Amino acid sequence: MTPYDPVAAARRQAVSVSVATGLYGVSFGALSVAAGLSVPQTMALSLLMFSGGSQFAFIGVVGAGGAVGAAVASAAMLGARNGLYGAQLTPLLDLPWRWRLPAAHVTIDESTAVATAQPSRRAARVGFWWTGVGVLVLWNLFTLLGAVAGDRLGDPRAYGLDAAAGAAFLALVWPRLASRTAQGVAAAAVVVALATTPVLPAGVPVLLAALVAVVVGLLTQDQRPATGAAA
């Protein structure tokens, strides 16, 4: 049998997540043009903003006739979570300063998920870069395809592309739910997200769900020194 190689496994995960996420760029490209943006404007969003949730929020407001300021605010609210990812990834990856600016640009849901799922720093770096760059390339390619083809492609959800990215995330998260604590955090986050989605603006439920893990982490950290002292 071939020995398990965590770096090769991280690379395989990165490729699968990149393909699943990149394909959904077709949907963004088509919806962006339908909302009134030009093909160059659509491509600028995918290349420079490069945060799927923020991009969909932006064109959603613009397409509904909202002001540019409201569109920017909605996109910024959803993009705020990337700052939390950066705080988590900085000590994990420990990148040289010259790589931190390009790393910041590809710090997204997918690259964070793959990196934090790895057992070693080397595998985490490989998973992060392969996922971040892979999604960047494929997302922009399929955004262009969706923007140019437009309505001729039909509704991308009919092909299951909206479920592909979610399935990839579930595959990454599932092995990390072995402990009771992780299961409790996941269940509480789901409850918070479902309860607040109908009443709060887009993006806020995601941030509130993420705070569940932050609170549990802080409480757990506070308990560790006490346990050590008692021992």
C-alpha atoms as a PDB file:
ATOM      1  CA  MET A   1       0.000   0.000   0.000  1.00  0.00           C
ATOM      2  CA  THR A   2       1.133   3.547  -0.698  1.00  0.00           C
ATOM      3  CA  PRO A   3       2.033   5.334   2.570  1.00  0.00           C
ATOM      4  CA  TYR A   4      -0.211   8.239   3.554  1.00  0.00           C
ATOM      5  CA  ASP A   5       1.234  11.572   2.456  1.00  0.00           C
ATOM      6  CA  PRO A   6      -0.491  14.549   4.134  1.00  0.00           C
ATOM      7  CA  VAL A   7       0.924  16.995   1.585  1.00  0.00           C
ATOM      8  CA  ALA A   8      -0.424  14.991  -1.359  1.00  0.00           C
ATOM      9  CA  ALA A   9      -3.763  14.664   0.464  1.00  0.00           C
ATOM     10  CA  ALA A  10      -3.882  18.430   0.984  1.00  0.00           C
ATOM     11  CA  ARG A  11      -3.187  18.951  -2.708  1.00  0.00           C
ATOM     12  CA  ARG A  12      -6.016  16.598  -3.699  1.00  0.00           C
ATOM     13  CA  GLN A  13      -8.431  18.355  -1.354  1.00  0.00           C
ATOM     14  CA  ALA A  14      -7.383  21.708  -2.752  1.00  0.00           C
ATOM     15  CA  VAL A  15      -7.993  20.645  -6.341  1.00  0.00           C
ATOM     16  CA  SER A  16     -11.429  19.185  -5.590  1.00  0.00           C
ATOM     17  CA  VAL A  17     -12.541  22.264  -3.636  1.00  0.00           C
ATOM     18  CA  SER A  18     -11.157  24.595  -6.326  1.00  0.00           C
ATOM     19  CA  VAL A  19     -13.077  22.836  -9.083  1.00  0.00           C
ATOM     20  CA  ALA A  20     -16.330  22.720  -7.089  1.00  0.00           C
ATOM     21  CA  THR A  21     -16.090  26.403  -6.185  1.00  0.00           C
ATOM     22  CA  GLY A  22     -14.760  27.617  -9.522  1.00  0.00           C
ATOM     23  CA  LEU A  23     -17.643  26.073 -11.431  1.00  0.00           C
ATOM     24  CA  TYR A  24     -20.100  28.170  -9.466  1.00  0.00           C
ATOM     25  CA  GLY A  25     -18.425  31.270 -10.912  1.00  0.00           C
ATOM     26  CA  VAL A  26     -20.605  30.649 -13.971  1.00  0.00           C
ATOM     27  CA  SER A  27     -23.586  31.646 -11.864  1.00  0.00           C
ATOM     28  CA  PHE A  28     -21.955  34.857 -10.683  1.00  0.00           C
ATOM     29  CA  GLY A  29     -20.935  35.878 -14.191  1.00  0.00           C
ATOM     30  CA  ALA A  30     -24.429  35.345 -15.587  1.00  0.00           C
ATOM     31  CA  LEU A  31     -26.182  37.076 -12.686  1.00  0.00           C
ATOM     32  CA  SER A  32     -23.775  40.002 -12.720  1.00  0.00           C
ATOM     33  CA  VAL A  33     -24.423  40.774 -16.383  1.00  0.00           C
ATOM     34  CA  ALA A  34     -28.154  40.325 -15.808  1.00  0.00           C
ATOM     35  CA  ALA A  35     -27.913  42.880 -12.971  1.00  0.00           C
ATOM     36  CA  GLY A  36     -26.581  45.474 -15.409  1.00  0.00           C
ATOM     37  CA  LEU A  37     -22.815  45.222 -15.027  1.00  0.00           C
ATOM     38  CA  SER A  38     -20.605  44.938 -18.082  1.00  0.00           C
ATOM     39  CA  VAL A  39     -18.278  42.006 -18.696  1.00  0.00           C
ATOM     40  CA  PRO A  40     -15.162  44.034 -17.693  1.00  0.00           C
ATOM     41  CA  GLN A  41     -16.894  45.232 -14.508  1.00  0.00           C
ATOM     42  CA  THR A  42     -17.912  41.669 -13.690  1.00  0.00           C
ATOM     43  CA  MET A  43     -14.361  40.435 -14.197  1.00  0.00           C
ATOM     44  CA  ALA A  44     -12.972  43.260 -12.053  1.00  0.00           C
ATOM     45  CA  LEU A  45     -15.173  42.130  -9.173  1.00  0.00           C
ATOM     46  CA  SER A  46     -14.025  38.523  -9.476  1.00  0.00           C
ATOM     47  CA  LEU A  47     -10.359  39.454  -9.782  1.00  0.00           C
ATOM     48  CA  LEU A  48     -10.106  42.275  -7.235  1.00  0.00           C
ATOM     49  CA  MET A  49     -12.876  41.664  -4.706  1.00  0.00           C
ATOM     50  CA  PHE A  50     -12.511  37.870  -5.003  1.00  0.00           C
ATOM     51  CA  SER A  51     -14.972  36.849  -2.322  1.00  0.00           C
ATOM     52  CA  GLY A  52     -17.965  34.985  -3.676  1.00  0.00           C
ATOM     53  CA  GLY A  53     -20.398  35.931  -0.917  1.00  0.00           C
ATOM     54  CA  SER A  54     -19.434  39.606  -1.131  1.00  0.00           C
ATOM     55  CA  GLN A  55     -19.699  39.570  -4.914  1.00  0.00           C
ATOM     56  CA  PHE A  56     -23.181  38.042  -4.871  1.00  0.00           C
ATOM     57  CA  ALA A  57     -24.260  40.558  -2.214  1.00  0.00           C
ATOM     58  CA  PHE A  58     -22.959  43.451  -4.323  1.00  0.00           C
ATOM     59  CA  ILE A  59     -24.750  42.477  -7.510  1.00  0.00           C
ATOM     60  CA  GLY A  60     -27.869  41.573  -5.538  1.00  0.00           C
ATOM     61  CA  VAL A  61     -28.191  45.135  -4.263  1.00  0.00           C
ATOM     62  CA  VAL A  62     -27.280  46.655  -7.630  1.00  0.00           C
ATOM     63  CA  GLY A  63     -29.685  44.381  -9.483  1.00  0.00           C
ATOM     64  CA  ALA A  64     -32.500  45.379  -7.118  1.00  0.00           C
ATOM     65  CA  GLY A  65     -31.880  49.052  -7.900  1.00  0.00           C
ATOM     66  CA  GLY A  66     -30.051  49.852  -4.668  1.00  0.00           C
ATOM     67  CA  ALA A  67     -27.439  52.563  -4.265  1.00  0.00           C
ATOM     68  CA  VAL A  68     -23.762  51.818  -4.787  1.00  0.00           C
ATOM     69  CA  GLY A  69     -23.085  52.699  -1.140  1.00  0.00           C
ATOM     70  CA  ALA A  70     -25.562  50.082   0.038  1.00  0.00           C
ATOM     71  CA  ALA A  71     -24.000  47.514  -2.300  1.00  0.00           C
ATOM     72  CA  VAL A  72     -20.520  48.265  -0.968  1.00  0.00           C
ATOM     73  CA  ALA A  73     -21.728  48.071   2.645  1.00  0.00           C
ATOM     74  CA  SER A  74     -23.371  44.692   2.052  1.00  0.00           C
ATOM     75  CA  ALA A  75     -20.248  43.340   0.378  1.00  0.00           C
ATOM     76  CA  ALA A  76     -18.014  44.674   3.163  1.00  0.00           C
ATOM     77  CA  MET A  77     -20.199  43.092   5.831  1.00  0.00           C
ATOM     78  CA  LEU A  78     -19.860  39.670   4.243  1.00  0.00           C
ATOM     79  CA  GLY A  79     -16.153  40.180   3.600  1.00  0.00           C
ATOM     80  CA  ALA A  80     -15.474  40.976   7.250  1.00  0.00           C
ATOM     81  CA  ARG A  81     -15.178  37.275   8.005  1.00  0.00           C
ATOM     82  CA  ASN A  82     -11.975  37.114   5.941  1.00  0.00           C
ATOM     83  CA  GLY A  83     -10.307  39.253   8.602  1.00  0.00           C
ATOM     84  CA  LEU A  84     -11.132  36.575  11.173  1.00  0.00           C
ATOM     85  CA  TYR A  85      -9.632  33.974   8.860  1.00  0.00           C
ATOM     86  CA  GLY A  86      -6.431  35.995   8.637  1.00  0.00           C
ATOM     87  CA  ALA A  87      -6.065  36.047  12.416  1.00  0.00           C
ATOM     88  CA  GLN A  88      -6.417  32.271  12.446  1.00  0.00           C
ATOM     89  CA  LEU A  89      -4.103  31.568   9.522  1.00  0.00           C
ATOM     90  CA  THR A  90      -1.217  33.869  10.464  1.00  0.00           C
ATOM     91  CA  PRO A  91       0.171  31.659  13.271  1.00  0.00           C
ATOM     92  CA  LEU A  92      -0.786  28.464  11.440  1.00  0.00           C
ATOM     93  CA  LEU A  93       1.041  29.242   8.191  1.00  0.00           C
ATOM     94  CA  ASP A  94       3.776  31.516   9.589  1.00  0.00           C
ATOM     95  CA  LEU A  95       4.522  32.952   6.143  1.00  0.00           C
ATOM     96  CA  PRO A  96       7.443  35.319   5.432  1.00  0.00           C
ATOM     97  CA  TRP A  97       6.398  38.970   5.192  1.00  0.00           C
ATOM     98  CA  ARG A  98       6.916  39.115   1.424  1.00  0.00           C
ATOM     99  CA  TRP A  99       4.179  36.487   0.957  1.00  0.00           C
ATOM    100  CA  ARG A 100       1.600  37.960   3.299  1.00  0.00           C
ATOM    101  CA  LEU A 101       0.066  40.457   0.857  1.00  0.00           C
ATOM    102  CA  PRO A 102      -0.630  37.880  -1.877  1.00  0.00           C
ATOM    103  CA  ALA A 103      -1.757  35.462   0.850  1.00  0.00           C
ATOM    104  CA  ALA A 104      -4.259  38.053   2.099  1.00  0.00           C
ATOM    105  CA  HIS A 105      -5.825  38.229  -1.365  1.00  0.00           C
ATOM    106  CA  VAL A 106      -6.489  34.483  -1.472  1.00  0.00           C
ATOM    107  CA  THR A 107      -7.612  34.201   2.161  1.00  0.00           C
ATOM    108  CA  ILE A 108     -11.169  33.031   1.548  1.00  0.00           C
ATOM    109  CA  ASP A 109     -13.566  30.428   2.926  1.00  0.00           C
ATOM    110  CA  GLU A 110     -12.126  27.639   0.809  1.00  0.00           C
ATOM    111  CA  SER A 111      -8.406  28.233   1.374  1.00  0.00           C
ATOM    112  CA  THR A 112      -8.994  28.636   5.110  1.00  0.00           C
ATOM    113  CA  ALA A 113     -11.042  25.454   5.335  1.00  0.00           C
ATOM    114  CA  VAL A 114      -8.457  23.345   3.521  1.00  0.00           C
ATOM    115  CA  ALA A 115      -5.489  24.831   5.403  1.00  0.00           C
ATOM    116  CA  THR A 116      -6.978  24.382   8.869  1.00  0.00           C
ATOM    117  CA  ALA A 117      -7.954  20.785   8.102  1.00  0.00           C
ATOM    118  CA  GLN A 118      -4.326  19.692   7.685  1.00  0.00           C
ATOM    119  CA  PRO A 119      -2.220  17.897  10.325  1.00  0.00           C
ATOM    120  CA  SER A 120       1.040  19.804   9.736  1.00  0.00           C
ATOM    121  CA  ARG A 121       2.224  23.309   8.818  1.00  0.00           C
ATOM    122  CA  ARG A 122       3.730  22.140   5.539  1.00  0.00           C
ATOM    123  CA  ALA A 123       0.482  20.456   4.490  1.00  0.00           C
ATOM    124  CA  ALA A 124      -1.470  23.517   5.635  1.00  0.00           C
ATOM    125  CA  ARG A 125       0.671  25.793   3.449  1.00  0.00           C
ATOM    126  CA  VAL A 126       0.265  23.516   0.443  1.00  0.00           C
ATOM    127  CA  GLY A 127      -3.477  23.284   0.989  1.00  0.00           C
ATOM    128  CA  PHE A 128      -3.789  27.043   1.434  1.00  0.00           C
ATOM    129  CA  TRP A 129      -1.853  28.054  -1.675  1.00  0.00           C
ATOM    130  CA  TRP A 130      -3.216  25.359  -3.960  1.00  0.00           C
ATOM    131  CA  THR A 131      -6.767  26.160  -2.922  1.00  0.00           C
ATOM    132  CA  GLY A 132      -6.413  29.940  -2.940  1.00  0.00           C
ATOM    133  CA  VAL A 133      -4.697  30.150  -6.320  1.00  0.00           C
ATOM    134  CA  GLY A 134      -6.818  27.329  -7.772  1.00  0.00           C
ATOM    135  CA  VAL A 135     -10.071  29.035  -6.843  1.00  0.00           C
ATOM    136  CA  LEU A 136      -8.752  32.411  -8.044  1.00  0.00           C
ATOM    137  CA  VAL A 137      -7.943  31.018 -11.492  1.00  0.00           C
ATOM    138  CA  LEU A 138     -11.018  28.844 -11.958  1.00  0.00           C
ATOM    139  CA  TRP A 139     -13.441  31.343 -10.433  1.00  0.00           C
ATOM    140  CA  ASN A 140     -12.310  34.012 -12.879  1.00  0.00           C
ATOM    141  CA  LEU A 141     -12.360  31.662 -15.871  1.00  0.00           C
ATOM    142  CA  PHE A 142     -15.897  30.507 -15.144  1.00  0.00           C
ATOM    143  CA  THR A 143     -17.011  34.029 -14.278  1.00  0.00           C
ATOM    144  CA  LEU A 144     -15.934  35.049 -17.774  1.00  0.00           C
ATOM    145  CA  LEU A 145     -17.783  32.090 -19.261  1.00  0.00           C
ATOM    146  CA  GLY A 146     -20.963  32.966 -17.371  1.00  0.00           C
ATOM    147  CA  ALA A 147     -20.721  36.661 -18.229  1.00  0.00           C
ATOM    148  CA  VAL A 148     -20.202  36.016 -21.936  1.00  0.00           C
ATOM    149  CA  ALA A 149     -22.741  33.210 -22.293  1.00  0.00           C
ATOM    150  CA  GLY A 150     -25.334  34.816 -20.028  1.00  0.00           C
ATOM    151  CA  ASP A 151     -28.836  33.432 -20.343  1.00  0.00           C
ATOM    152  CA  ARG A 152     -27.807  30.791 -22.869  1.00  0.00           C
ATOM    153  CA  LEU A 153     -26.454  28.653 -20.015  1.00  0.00           C
ATOM    154  CA  GLY A 154     -29.754  28.635 -18.146  1.00  0.00           C
ATOM    155  CA  ASP A 155     -29.974  28.502 -14.371  1.00  0.00           C
ATOM    156  CA  PRO A 156     -26.678  27.091 -12.979  1.00  0.00           C
ATOM    157  CA  ARG A 157     -28.591  25.661 -10.013  1.00  0.00           C
ATOM    158  CA  ALA A 158     -30.186  23.191 -12.415  1.00  0.00           C
ATOM    159  CA  TYR A 159     -26.753  21.568 -12.763  1.00  0.00           C
ATOM    160  CA  GLY A 160     -26.277  21.303  -8.998  1.00  0.00           C
ATOM    161  CA  LEU A 161     -23.447  23.842  -8.934  1.00  0.00           C
ATOM    162  CA  ASP A 162     -24.909  25.616  -5.912  1.00  0.00           C
ATOM    163  CA  ALA A 163     -24.682  22.371  -3.936  1.00  0.00           C
ATOM    164  CA  ALA A 164     -21.180  21.433  -5.093  1.00  0.00           C
ATOM    165  CA  ALA A 165     -19.356  24.003  -2.965  1.00  0.00           C
ATOM    166  CA  GLY A 166     -21.440  23.156   0.097  1.00  0.00           C
ATOM    167  CA  ALA A 167     -20.717  19.455  -0.369  1.00  0.00           C
ATOM    168  CA  ALA A 168     -16.987  20.155  -0.575  1.00  0.00           C
ATOM    169  CA  PHE A 169     -17.106  22.109   2.696  1.00  0.00           C
ATOM    170  CA  LEU A 170     -19.057  19.335   4.404  1.00  0.00           C
ATOM    171  CA  ALA A 171     -16.434  16.797   3.331  1.00  0.00           C
ATOM    172  CA  LEU A 172     -13.716  18.952   4.926  1.00  0.00           C
ATOM    173  CA  VAL A 173     -15.609  19.634   8.143  1.00  0.00           C
ATOM    174  CA  TRP A 174     -16.982  16.150   8.752  1.00  0.00           C
ATOM    175  CA  PRO A 175     -13.711  14.521  10.000  1.00  0.00           C
ATOM    176  CA  ARG A 176     -13.290  17.384  12.500  1.00  0.00           C
ATOM    177  CA  LEU A 177     -16.618  16.653  14.230  1.00  0.00           C
ATOM    178  CA  ALA A 178     -15.378  13.623  16.146  1.00  0.00           C
ATOM    179  CA  SER A 179     -15.386  15.258  19.595  1.00  0.00           C
ATOM    180  CA  ARG A 180     -18.471  16.215  21.563  1.00  0.00           C
ATOM    181  CA  THR A 181     -17.232  19.807  21.784  1.00  0.00           C
ATOM    182  CA  ALA A 182     -16.912  20.123  18.001  1.00  0.00           C
ATOM    183  CA  GLN A 183     -20.358  18.600  17.508  1.00  0.00           C
ATOM    184  CA  GLY A 184     -21.851  21.006  20.042  1.00  0.00           C
ATOM    185  CA  VAL A 185     -20.209  24.017  18.391  1.00  0.00           C
ATOM    186  CA  ALA A 186     -21.444  22.946  14.952  1.00  0.00           C
ATOM    187  CA  ALA A 187     -24.993  22.365  16.197  1.00  0.00           C
ATOM    188  CA  ALA A 188     -25.107  25.711  18.020  1.00  0.00           C
ATOM    189  CA  ALA A 189     -23.739  27.540  14.965  1.00  0.00           C
ATOM    190  CA  VAL A 190     -26.392  25.962  12.749  1.00  0.00           C
ATOM    191  CA  VAL A 191     -29.163  26.981  15.173  1.00  0.00           C
ATOM    192  CA  VAL A 192     -27.880  30.566  15.353  1.00  0.00           C
ATOM    193  CA  ALA A 193     -27.594  30.840  11.560  1.00  0.00           C
ATOM    194  CA  LEU A 194     -31.064  29.397  10.914  1.00  0.00           C
ATOM    195  CA  ALA A 195     -32.695  31.523  13.606  1.00  0.00           C
ATOM    196  CA  THR A 196     -31.185  34.827  12.475  1.00  0.00           C
ATOM    197  CA  THR A 197     -31.265  34.413   8.679  1.00  0.00           C
ATOM    198  CA  PRO A 198     -34.949  35.466   8.305  1.00  0.00           C
ATOM    199  CA  VAL A 199     -34.546  38.634  10.400  1.00  0.00           C
ATOM    200  CA  LEU A 200     -31.020  39.941   9.792  1.00  0.00           C
ATOM    201  CA  PRO A 201     -29.239  41.285   6.676  1.00  0.00           C
ATOM    202  CA  ALA A 202     -27.190  38.905   4.542  1.00  0.00           C
ATOM    203  CA  GLY A 203     -23.813  38.173   6.067  1.00  0.00           C
ATOM    204  CA  VAL A 204     -24.714  38.897   9.692  1.00  0.00           C
ATOM    205  CA  PRO A 205     -25.986  35.349  10.445  1.00  0.00           C
ATOM    206  CA  VAL A 206     -22.696  33.904   9.191  1.00  0.00           C
ATOM    207  CA  LEU A 207     -20.699  36.194  11.474  1.00  0.00           C
ATOM    208  CA  LEU A 208     -22.918  35.390  14.458  1.00  0.00           C
ATOM    209  CA  ALA A 209     -22.552  31.672  13.799  1.00  0.00           C
ATOM    210  CA  ALA A 210     -18.776  32.093  13.692  1.00  0.00           C
ATOM    211  CA  LEU A 211     -18.905  33.862  17.081  1.00  0.00           C
ATOM    212  CA  VAL A 212     -20.219  30.639  18.613  1.00  0.00           C
ATOM    213  CA  ALA A 213     -16.858  28.992  17.975  1.00  0.00           C
ATOM    214  CA  VAL A 214     -15.020  32.093  19.243  1.00  0.00           C
ATOM    215  CA  VAL A 215     -16.963  32.088  22.521  1.00  0.00           C
ATOM    216  CA  VAL A 216     -16.433  28.355  23.047  1.00  0.00           C
ATOM    217  CA  GLY A 217     -12.727  28.761  22.279  1.00  0.00           C
ATOM    218  CA  LEU A 218     -12.350  31.597  24.804  1.00  0.00           C
ATOM    219  CA  LEU A 219     -14.200  29.666  27.495  1.00  0.00           C
ATOM    220  CA  THR A 220     -12.121  26.564  26.863  1.00  0.00           C
ATOM    221  CA  GLN A 221      -8.903  28.582  26.950  1.00  0.00           C
ATOM    222  CA  ASP A 222      -9.892  30.146  30.277  1.00  0.00           C
ATOM    223  CA  GLN A 223     -10.490  26.717  31.766  1.00  0.00           C
ATOM    224  CA  ARG A 224      -7.143  25.198  30.736  1.00  0.00           C
ATOM    225  CA  PRO A 225      -4.884  27.173  33.127  1.00  0.00           C
ATOM    226  CA  ALA A 226      -7.280  26.458  36.005  1.00  0.00           C
ATOM    227  CA  THR A 227      -7.206  22.746  35.234  1.00  0.00           C
ATOM    228  CA  GLY A 228      -3.412  22.784  35.079  1.00  0.00           C
ATOM    229  CA  ALA A 229      -3.133  24.632  38.377  1.00  0.00           C
ATOM    230  CA  ALA A 230      -5.470  22.162  40.083  1.00  0.00           C
ATOM    231  CA  ALA A 231      -3.393  19.267  38.782  1.00  0.00           C
END
